[in-house]
Amino acid sequence: MKQFKLGLLALTILVSVQTTQAQTVDEIVNKNITAMGGKEKLATLKTVRMEGLLNTQGTDVNLVITRSTLVGQRIDISAMGMDGYQINTPTAGWNFMPFMGQTSPEVMKDDQIKAGIAVLDIQGNLFNYKDKGTTVEFLGMEKVDSADCYKLKATLKSGKVMTYFIDTKTNYVVKTVNTQNLNGKESEVASIFSNYKPTADGYIFPWTNIATEGQIDFSKIEANVPVDAKIFTSN
């Protein structure tokens, strides 16, 4: 009987811990969604067009990024007097980088296509995450620079895992980490986000991103612009 009571107590504690974690995850996610404008606002975000400058290894590269949620992303790239692009959709992708010696578009490998799916959800992978088949775990607290952050692990329906760091003061995502296959090796890739501010129509974006390639500063972001799906096919 004593062992039965102890087992029942352990089960009660386990259920309590799981429930508390679920509440904590939802509380953190809801704070982030509210900071980004709220559920109703985010639900109306369908496309975005972003113009910016990437500084990589001392070279300035002009970028125009066009996304249509869950449809595709196209990055038009201008550097060294040449124009290239990168396109990815849920099922296909192409790279054309003439400044890297390419003379024609190259088809993306399957792992690159899979890695790019996460960026196609412009409303954010944490938005309505349960409906999307994503699971989210609270991993505790961690500092990013001087900011105290909630650390969340999101496992997407595709199996891709992303870690989010959410500033406890602003409730904005200030860092993400995910694993990508780079040159045949699995590597962790981190991105830093800052300079959050609204567009003319009230959608909030980070206007400065720092990733492996360098720092991108956006000069113009437009939401819900008309986007022809044909731009997500190889030229």
C-alpha atoms as a PDB file:
ATOM      1  CA  MET A   1       0.000   0.000   0.000  1.00  0.00           C
ATOM      2  CA  LYS A   2       2.852   2.369   0.878  1.00  0.00           C
ATOM      3  CA  GLN A   3       4.522   1.722  -2.504  1.00  0.00           C
ATOM      4  CA  PHE A   4       1.176   2.325  -4.240  1.00  0.00           C
ATOM      5  CA  LYS A   5       0.781   5.698  -2.490  1.00  0.00           C
ATOM      6  CA  LEU A   6       4.330   6.696  -3.399  1.00  0.00           C
ATOM      7  CA  GLY A   7       3.725   5.733  -7.014  1.00  0.00           C
ATOM      8  CA  LEU A   8       0.485   7.714  -7.076  1.00  0.00           C
ATOM      9  CA  LEU A   9       2.276  10.715  -5.577  1.00  0.00           C
ATOM     10  CA  ALA A  10       5.025  10.510  -8.215  1.00  0.00           C
ATOM     11  CA  LEU A  11       2.399  10.351 -10.962  1.00  0.00           C
ATOM     12  CA  THR A  12       0.580  13.371  -9.515  1.00  0.00           C
ATOM     13  CA  ILE A  13       3.833  15.350  -9.397  1.00  0.00           C
ATOM     14  CA  LEU A  14       4.677  14.366 -12.985  1.00  0.00           C
ATOM     15  CA  VAL A  15       1.260  15.455 -14.283  1.00  0.00           C
ATOM     16  CA  SER A  16       1.548  18.693 -12.311  1.00  0.00           C
ATOM     17  CA  VAL A  17       4.971  19.451 -13.815  1.00  0.00           C
ATOM     18  CA  GLN A  18       3.723  18.738 -17.354  1.00  0.00           C
ATOM     19  CA  THR A  19       0.667  20.966 -16.838  1.00  0.00           C
ATOM     20  CA  THR A  20       2.768  23.780 -15.418  1.00  0.00           C
ATOM     21  CA  GLN A  21       5.168  23.589 -18.352  1.00  0.00           C
ATOM     22  CA  ALA A  22       2.281  23.696 -20.844  1.00  0.00           C
ATOM     23  CA  GLN A  23       0.883  26.768 -19.112  1.00  0.00           C
ATOM     24  CA  THR A  24       4.311  28.379 -19.087  1.00  0.00           C
ATOM     25  CA  VAL A  25       4.855  27.708 -22.811  1.00  0.00           C
ATOM     26  CA  ASP A  26       1.450  29.117 -23.729  1.00  0.00           C
ATOM     27  CA  GLU A  27       1.968  32.160 -21.516  1.00  0.00           C
ATOM     28  CA  ILE A  28       5.341  32.908 -23.138  1.00  0.00           C
ATOM     29  CA  VAL A  29       4.053  32.336 -26.675  1.00  0.00           C
ATOM     30  CA  ASN A  30       0.991  34.506 -26.022  1.00  0.00           C
ATOM     31  CA  LYS A  31       3.212  37.313 -24.729  1.00  0.00           C
ATOM     32  CA  ASN A  32       5.269  37.119 -27.914  1.00  0.00           C
ATOM     33  CA  ILE A  33       2.168  37.095 -30.140  1.00  0.00           C
ATOM     34  CA  THR A  34       0.786  40.119 -28.281  1.00  0.00           C
ATOM     35  CA  ALA A  35       4.078  41.984 -28.678  1.00  0.00           C
ATOM     36  CA  MET A  36       3.983  41.276 -32.426  1.00  0.00           C
ATOM     37  CA  GLY A  37       0.564  42.910 -32.752  1.00  0.00           C
ATOM     38  CA  GLY A  38      -1.796  40.231 -31.525  1.00  0.00           C
ATOM     39  CA  LYS A  39      -3.494  37.182 -33.024  1.00  0.00           C
ATOM     40  CA  GLU A  40      -6.010  39.038 -35.151  1.00  0.00           C
ATOM     41  CA  LYS A  41      -3.341  41.288 -36.683  1.00  0.00           C
ATOM     42  CA  LEU A  42      -0.899  38.463 -37.429  1.00  0.00           C
ATOM     43  CA  ALA A  43      -3.651  36.361 -39.000  1.00  0.00           C
ATOM     44  CA  THR A  44      -4.024  39.015 -41.723  1.00  0.00           C
ATOM     45  CA  LEU A  45      -0.316  38.938 -42.682  1.00  0.00           C
ATOM     46  CA  LYS A  46      -0.079  37.091 -46.003  1.00  0.00           C
ATOM     47  CA  THR A  47       2.887  38.578 -47.915  1.00  0.00           C
ATOM     48  CA  VAL A  48       5.897  40.751 -47.215  1.00  0.00           C
ATOM     49  CA  ARG A  49       8.499  42.539 -49.337  1.00  0.00           C
ATOM     50  CA  MET A  50      11.741  43.675 -47.690  1.00  0.00           C
ATOM     51  CA  GLU A  51      14.544  45.795 -49.131  1.00  0.00           C
ATOM     52  CA  GLY A  52      17.866  45.864 -47.354  1.00  0.00           C
ATOM     53  CA  LEU A  53      21.631  45.897 -47.397  1.00  0.00           C
ATOM     54  CA  LEU A  54      23.718  42.896 -46.371  1.00  0.00           C
ATOM     55  CA  ASN A  55      27.243  43.611 -45.246  1.00  0.00           C
ATOM     56  CA  THR A  56      29.311  40.459 -45.629  1.00  0.00           C
ATOM     57  CA  GLN A  57      33.087  40.372 -45.302  1.00  0.00           C
ATOM     58  CA  GLY A  58      33.262  44.091 -46.026  1.00  0.00           C
ATOM     59  CA  THR A  59      31.126  43.880 -49.177  1.00  0.00           C
ATOM     60  CA  ASP A  60      27.691  45.498 -49.452  1.00  0.00           C
ATOM     61  CA  VAL A  61      25.031  43.374 -51.135  1.00  0.00           C
ATOM     62  CA  ASN A  62      21.586  44.708 -52.041  1.00  0.00           C
ATOM     63  CA  LEU A  63      18.714  42.377 -51.190  1.00  0.00           C
ATOM     64  CA  VAL A  64      15.033  42.285 -52.006  1.00  0.00           C
ATOM     65  CA  ILE A  65      13.228  39.527 -50.091  1.00  0.00           C
ATOM     66  CA  THR A  66       9.687  38.610 -51.135  1.00  0.00           C
ATOM     67  CA  ARG A  67       7.651  36.072 -49.177  1.00  0.00           C
ATOM     68  CA  SER A  68       4.163  34.690 -49.556  1.00  0.00           C
ATOM     69  CA  THR A  69       3.188  32.712 -46.501  1.00  0.00           C
ATOM     70  CA  LEU A  70       3.537  28.952 -47.007  1.00  0.00           C
ATOM     71  CA  VAL A  71       3.895  29.541 -50.771  1.00  0.00           C
ATOM     72  CA  GLY A  72       7.438  30.703 -51.392  1.00  0.00           C
ATOM     73  CA  GLN A  73      10.361  33.012 -50.767  1.00  0.00           C
ATOM     74  CA  ARG A  74      12.480  34.785 -53.358  1.00  0.00           C
ATOM     75  CA  ILE A  75      15.668  36.681 -52.515  1.00  0.00           C
ATOM     76  CA  ASP A  76      16.924  38.913 -55.315  1.00  0.00           C
ATOM     77  CA  ILE A  77      20.613  39.668 -54.856  1.00  0.00           C
ATOM     78  CA  SER A  78      22.695  42.419 -56.470  1.00  0.00           C
ATOM     79  CA  ALA A  79      26.461  42.384 -55.967  1.00  0.00           C
ATOM     80  CA  MET A  80      29.565  43.284 -57.952  1.00  0.00           C
ATOM     81  CA  GLY A  81      27.454  44.525 -60.845  1.00  0.00           C
ATOM     82  CA  MET A  82      25.639  41.202 -61.192  1.00  0.00           C
ATOM     83  CA  ASP A  83      22.143  40.015 -60.274  1.00  0.00           C
ATOM     84  CA  GLY A  84      21.271  36.649 -58.811  1.00  0.00           C
ATOM     85  CA  TYR A  85      18.498  35.051 -56.810  1.00  0.00           C
ATOM     86  CA  GLN A  86      17.553  32.303 -54.404  1.00  0.00           C
ATOM     87  CA  ILE A  87      14.079  30.745 -54.475  1.00  0.00           C
ATOM     88  CA  ASN A  88      12.569  28.237 -52.123  1.00  0.00           C
ATOM     89  CA  THR A  89       9.088  26.736 -51.864  1.00  0.00           C
ATOM     90  CA  PRO A  90       7.805  23.836 -49.730  1.00  0.00           C
ATOM     91  CA  THR A  91       8.786  21.366 -52.457  1.00  0.00           C
ATOM     92  CA  ALA A  92      11.478  22.976 -54.621  1.00  0.00           C
ATOM     93  CA  GLY A  93      14.255  25.549 -54.721  1.00  0.00           C
ATOM     94  CA  TRP A  94      16.874  27.142 -56.951  1.00  0.00           C
ATOM     95  CA  ASN A  95      20.081  29.140 -56.553  1.00  0.00           C
ATOM     96  CA  PHE A  96      21.517  31.434 -59.190  1.00  0.00           C
ATOM     97  CA  MET A  97      24.689  33.193 -58.011  1.00  0.00           C
ATOM     98  CA  PRO A  98      26.673  34.541 -61.017  1.00  0.00           C
ATOM     99  CA  PHE A  99      29.045  36.351 -58.646  1.00  0.00           C
ATOM    100  CA  MET A 100      30.012  32.878 -57.373  1.00  0.00           C
ATOM    101  CA  GLY A 101      30.701  31.541 -60.842  1.00  0.00           C
ATOM    102  CA  GLN A 102      27.305  30.025 -61.618  1.00  0.00           C
ATOM    103  CA  THR A 103      26.225  30.392 -65.234  1.00  0.00           C
ATOM    104  CA  SER A 104      22.719  28.966 -64.813  1.00  0.00           C
ATOM    105  CA  PRO A 105      20.275  28.233 -61.964  1.00  0.00           C
ATOM    106  CA  GLU A 106      21.059  25.196 -59.830  1.00  0.00           C
ATOM    107  CA  VAL A 107      18.408  23.054 -58.158  1.00  0.00           C
ATOM    108  CA  MET A 108      18.560  23.042 -54.359  1.00  0.00           C
ATOM    109  CA  LYS A 109      19.308  19.814 -52.544  1.00  0.00           C
ATOM    110  CA  ASP A 110      16.515  18.222 -50.523  1.00  0.00           C
ATOM    111  CA  ASP A 111      18.062  19.190 -47.177  1.00  0.00           C
ATOM    112  CA  GLN A 112      18.284  22.839 -48.296  1.00  0.00           C
ATOM    113  CA  ILE A 113      14.627  22.806 -49.349  1.00  0.00           C
ATOM    114  CA  LYS A 114      13.614  21.301 -46.016  1.00  0.00           C
ATOM    115  CA  ALA A 115      15.715  23.835 -44.094  1.00  0.00           C
ATOM    116  CA  GLY A 116      14.008  26.702 -45.914  1.00  0.00           C
ATOM    117  CA  ILE A 117      10.437  25.677 -45.118  1.00  0.00           C
ATOM    118  CA  ALA A 118      10.492  27.354 -41.696  1.00  0.00           C
ATOM    119  CA  VAL A 119      10.961  30.850 -43.187  1.00  0.00           C
ATOM    120  CA  LEU A 120       7.876  30.448 -45.380  1.00  0.00           C
ATOM    121  CA  ASP A 121       5.582  30.928 -42.387  1.00  0.00           C
ATOM    122  CA  ILE A 122       5.771  34.710 -42.197  1.00  0.00           C
ATOM    123  CA  GLN A 123       3.189  34.855 -39.412  1.00  0.00           C
ATOM    124  CA  GLY A 124       5.771  33.038 -37.299  1.00  0.00           C
ATOM    125  CA  ASN A 125       6.217  29.386 -36.402  1.00  0.00           C
ATOM    126  CA  LEU A 126       4.948  30.068 -32.866  1.00  0.00           C
ATOM    127  CA  PHE A 127       1.686  31.558 -34.157  1.00  0.00           C
ATOM    128  CA  ASN A 128      -1.116  28.967 -33.787  1.00  0.00           C
ATOM    129  CA  TYR A 129       1.667  26.412 -33.351  1.00  0.00           C
ATOM    130  CA  LYS A 130      -0.608  23.630 -32.068  1.00  0.00           C
ATOM    131  CA  ASP A 131      -2.826  23.839 -35.149  1.00  0.00           C
ATOM    132  CA  LYS A 132       0.297  23.457 -37.310  1.00  0.00           C
ATOM    133  CA  GLY A 133       1.381  20.255 -35.577  1.00  0.00           C
ATOM    134  CA  THR A 134       4.305  21.953 -33.830  1.00  0.00           C
ATOM    135  CA  THR A 135       5.307  21.052 -30.281  1.00  0.00           C
ATOM    136  CA  VAL A 136       6.975  23.630 -28.052  1.00  0.00           C
ATOM    137  CA  GLU A 137       8.963  23.014 -24.861  1.00  0.00           C
ATOM    138  CA  PHE A 138      10.179  25.482 -22.255  1.00  0.00           C
ATOM    139  CA  LEU A 139      13.896  24.917 -21.657  1.00  0.00           C
ATOM    140  CA  GLY A 140      14.399  27.506 -18.940  1.00  0.00           C
ATOM    141  CA  MET A 141      16.072  30.894 -18.922  1.00  0.00           C
ATOM    142  CA  GLU A 142      19.209  32.039 -20.745  1.00  0.00           C
ATOM    143  CA  LYS A 143      20.917  35.337 -21.418  1.00  0.00           C
ATOM    144  CA  VAL A 144      21.412  36.729 -24.924  1.00  0.00           C
ATOM    145  CA  ASP A 145      23.983  39.471 -24.502  1.00  0.00           C
ATOM    146  CA  SER A 146      22.575  41.308 -21.466  1.00  0.00           C
ATOM    147  CA  ALA A 147      18.924  40.321 -22.001  1.00  0.00           C
ATOM    148  CA  ASP A 148      17.216  37.684 -19.869  1.00  0.00           C
ATOM    149  CA  CYS A 149      15.381  35.368 -22.245  1.00  0.00           C
ATOM    150  CA  TYR A 150      12.874  32.550 -22.199  1.00  0.00           C
ATOM    151  CA  LYS A 151      14.291  29.589 -24.135  1.00  0.00           C
ATOM    152  CA  LEU A 152      11.770  27.586 -26.173  1.00  0.00           C
ATOM    153  CA  LYS A 153      12.379  24.514 -28.296  1.00  0.00           C
ATOM    154  CA  ALA A 154       9.960  24.176 -31.223  1.00  0.00           C
ATOM    155  CA  THR A 155       9.736  20.923 -33.174  1.00  0.00           C
ATOM    156  CA  LEU A 156       7.902  21.578 -36.433  1.00  0.00           C
ATOM    157  CA  LYS A 157       5.659  19.024 -38.124  1.00  0.00           C
ATOM    158  CA  SER A 158       8.441  18.503 -40.686  1.00  0.00           C
ATOM    159  CA  GLY A 159      10.774  17.392 -37.896  1.00  0.00           C
ATOM    160  CA  LYS A 160      12.891  20.538 -38.053  1.00  0.00           C
ATOM    161  CA  VAL A 161      13.897  21.824 -34.608  1.00  0.00           C
ATOM    162  CA  MET A 162      14.259  25.523 -33.838  1.00  0.00           C
ATOM    163  CA  THR A 163      15.223  27.156 -30.559  1.00  0.00           C
ATOM    164  CA  TYR A 164      13.764  30.575 -29.779  1.00  0.00           C
ATOM    165  CA  PHE A 165      15.090  33.091 -27.283  1.00  0.00           C
ATOM    166  CA  ILE A 166      12.419  35.597 -26.234  1.00  0.00           C
ATOM    167  CA  ASP A 167      13.384  38.746 -24.314  1.00  0.00           C
ATOM    168  CA  THR A 168      11.487  38.824 -21.009  1.00  0.00           C
ATOM    169  CA  LYS A 169      11.125  42.621 -21.167  1.00  0.00           C
ATOM    170  CA  THR A 170      10.057  43.183 -24.781  1.00  0.00           C
ATOM    171  CA  ASN A 171       8.695  39.673 -25.504  1.00  0.00           C
ATOM    172  CA  TYR A 172      10.348  39.850 -28.934  1.00  0.00           C
ATOM    173  CA  VAL A 173      12.370  36.971 -30.376  1.00  0.00           C
ATOM    174  CA  VAL A 174      15.975  38.176 -30.174  1.00  0.00           C
ATOM    175  CA  LYS A 175      17.697  34.980 -31.286  1.00  0.00           C
ATOM    176  CA  THR A 176      16.959  31.696 -33.045  1.00  0.00           C
ATOM    177  CA  VAL A 177      19.144  28.607 -33.414  1.00  0.00           C
ATOM    178  CA  ASN A 178      18.564  25.726 -35.802  1.00  0.00           C
ATOM    179  CA  THR A 179      20.606  22.902 -37.266  1.00  0.00           C
ATOM    180  CA  GLN A 180      21.457  22.972 -40.962  1.00  0.00           C
ATOM    181  CA  ASN A 181      23.515  20.797 -43.260  1.00  0.00           C
ATOM    182  CA  LEU A 182      26.400  22.976 -44.403  1.00  0.00           C
ATOM    183  CA  ASN A 183      28.937  21.444 -46.767  1.00  0.00           C
ATOM    184  CA  GLY A 184      27.873  17.957 -45.731  1.00  0.00           C
ATOM    185  CA  LYS A 185      28.114  18.626 -41.999  1.00  0.00           C
ATOM    186  CA  GLU A 186      25.384  19.300 -39.451  1.00  0.00           C
ATOM    187  CA  SER A 187      25.998  22.730 -37.954  1.00  0.00           C
ATOM    188  CA  GLU A 188      24.110  25.015 -35.610  1.00  0.00           C
ATOM    189  CA  VAL A 189      23.128  28.284 -37.238  1.00  0.00           C
ATOM    190  CA  ALA A 190      22.183  31.269 -35.084  1.00  0.00           C
ATOM    191  CA  SER A 191      20.353  34.427 -36.121  1.00  0.00           C
ATOM    192  CA  ILE A 192      20.101  37.611 -34.045  1.00  0.00           C
ATOM    193  CA  PHE A 193      17.152  40.003 -34.390  1.00  0.00           C
ATOM    194  CA  SER A 194      16.896  43.609 -33.223  1.00  0.00           C
ATOM    195  CA  ASN A 195      15.529  47.060 -34.047  1.00  0.00           C
ATOM    196  CA  TYR A 196      11.901  45.955 -33.912  1.00  0.00           C
ATOM    197  CA  LYS A 197       9.453  48.549 -35.201  1.00  0.00           C
ATOM    198  CA  PRO A 198       6.146  48.664 -37.098  1.00  0.00           C
ATOM    199  CA  THR A 199       5.590  49.096 -40.803  1.00  0.00           C
ATOM    200  CA  ALA A 200       3.300  51.838 -42.095  1.00  0.00           C
ATOM    201  CA  ASP A 201       0.309  49.553 -41.611  1.00  0.00           C
ATOM    202  CA  GLY A 202       1.276  48.348 -38.148  1.00  0.00           C
ATOM    203  CA  TYR A 203       3.001  44.997 -38.730  1.00  0.00           C
ATOM    204  CA  ILE A 204       6.049  44.602 -36.519  1.00  0.00           C
ATOM    205  CA  PHE A 205       9.356  43.283 -37.866  1.00  0.00           C
ATOM    206  CA  PRO A 206      13.012  43.237 -36.765  1.00  0.00           C
ATOM    207  CA  TRP A 207      14.718  45.680 -39.121  1.00  0.00           C
ATOM    208  CA  THR A 208      18.205  44.360 -38.288  1.00  0.00           C
ATOM    209  CA  ASN A 209      19.188  40.682 -38.640  1.00  0.00           C
ATOM    210  CA  ILE A 210      22.607  39.165 -38.013  1.00  0.00           C
ATOM    211  CA  ALA A 211      23.276  35.685 -39.383  1.00  0.00           C
ATOM    212  CA  THR A 212      26.188  33.599 -40.644  1.00  0.00           C
ATOM    213  CA  GLU A 213      26.349  35.630 -43.860  1.00  0.00           C
ATOM    214  CA  GLY A 214      26.615  38.978 -42.059  1.00  0.00           C
ATOM    215  CA  GLN A 215      24.348  41.815 -40.954  1.00  0.00           C
ATOM    216  CA  ILE A 216      21.235  42.856 -42.850  1.00  0.00           C
ATOM    217  CA  ASP A 217      19.742  46.303 -42.278  1.00  0.00           C
ATOM    218  CA  PHE A 218      16.351  46.787 -43.891  1.00  0.00           C
ATOM    219  CA  SER A 219      15.423  50.185 -45.278  1.00  0.00           C
ATOM    220  CA  LYS A 220      11.909  49.295 -46.442  1.00  0.00           C
ATOM    221  CA  ILE A 221       9.381  46.649 -45.383  1.00  0.00           C
ATOM    222  CA  GLU A 222       5.929  46.394 -46.946  1.00  0.00           C
ATOM    223  CA  ALA A 223       3.239  43.952 -45.843  1.00  0.00           C
ATOM    224  CA  ASN A 224       0.410  42.412 -47.860  1.00  0.00           C
ATOM    225  CA  VAL A 225       1.722  43.604 -51.208  1.00  0.00           C
ATOM    226  CA  PRO A 226       0.486  41.788 -54.339  1.00  0.00           C
ATOM    227  CA  VAL A 227       2.801  38.867 -55.133  1.00  0.00           C
ATOM    228  CA  ASP A 228       2.617  36.839 -58.333  1.00  0.00           C
ATOM    229  CA  ALA A 229       3.329  33.183 -57.507  1.00  0.00           C
ATOM    230  CA  LYS A 230       5.271  32.938 -60.778  1.00  0.00           C
ATOM    231  CA  ILE A 231       8.249  34.661 -59.117  1.00  0.00           C
ATOM    232  CA  PHE A 232       8.752  31.485 -57.075  1.00  0.00           C
ATOM    233  CA  THR A 233       9.820  29.537 -60.153  1.00  0.00           C
ATOM    234  CA  SER A 234      13.256  29.499 -61.780  1.00  0.00           C
ATOM    235  CA  ASN A 235      13.803  32.152 -64.476  1.00  0.00           C
END
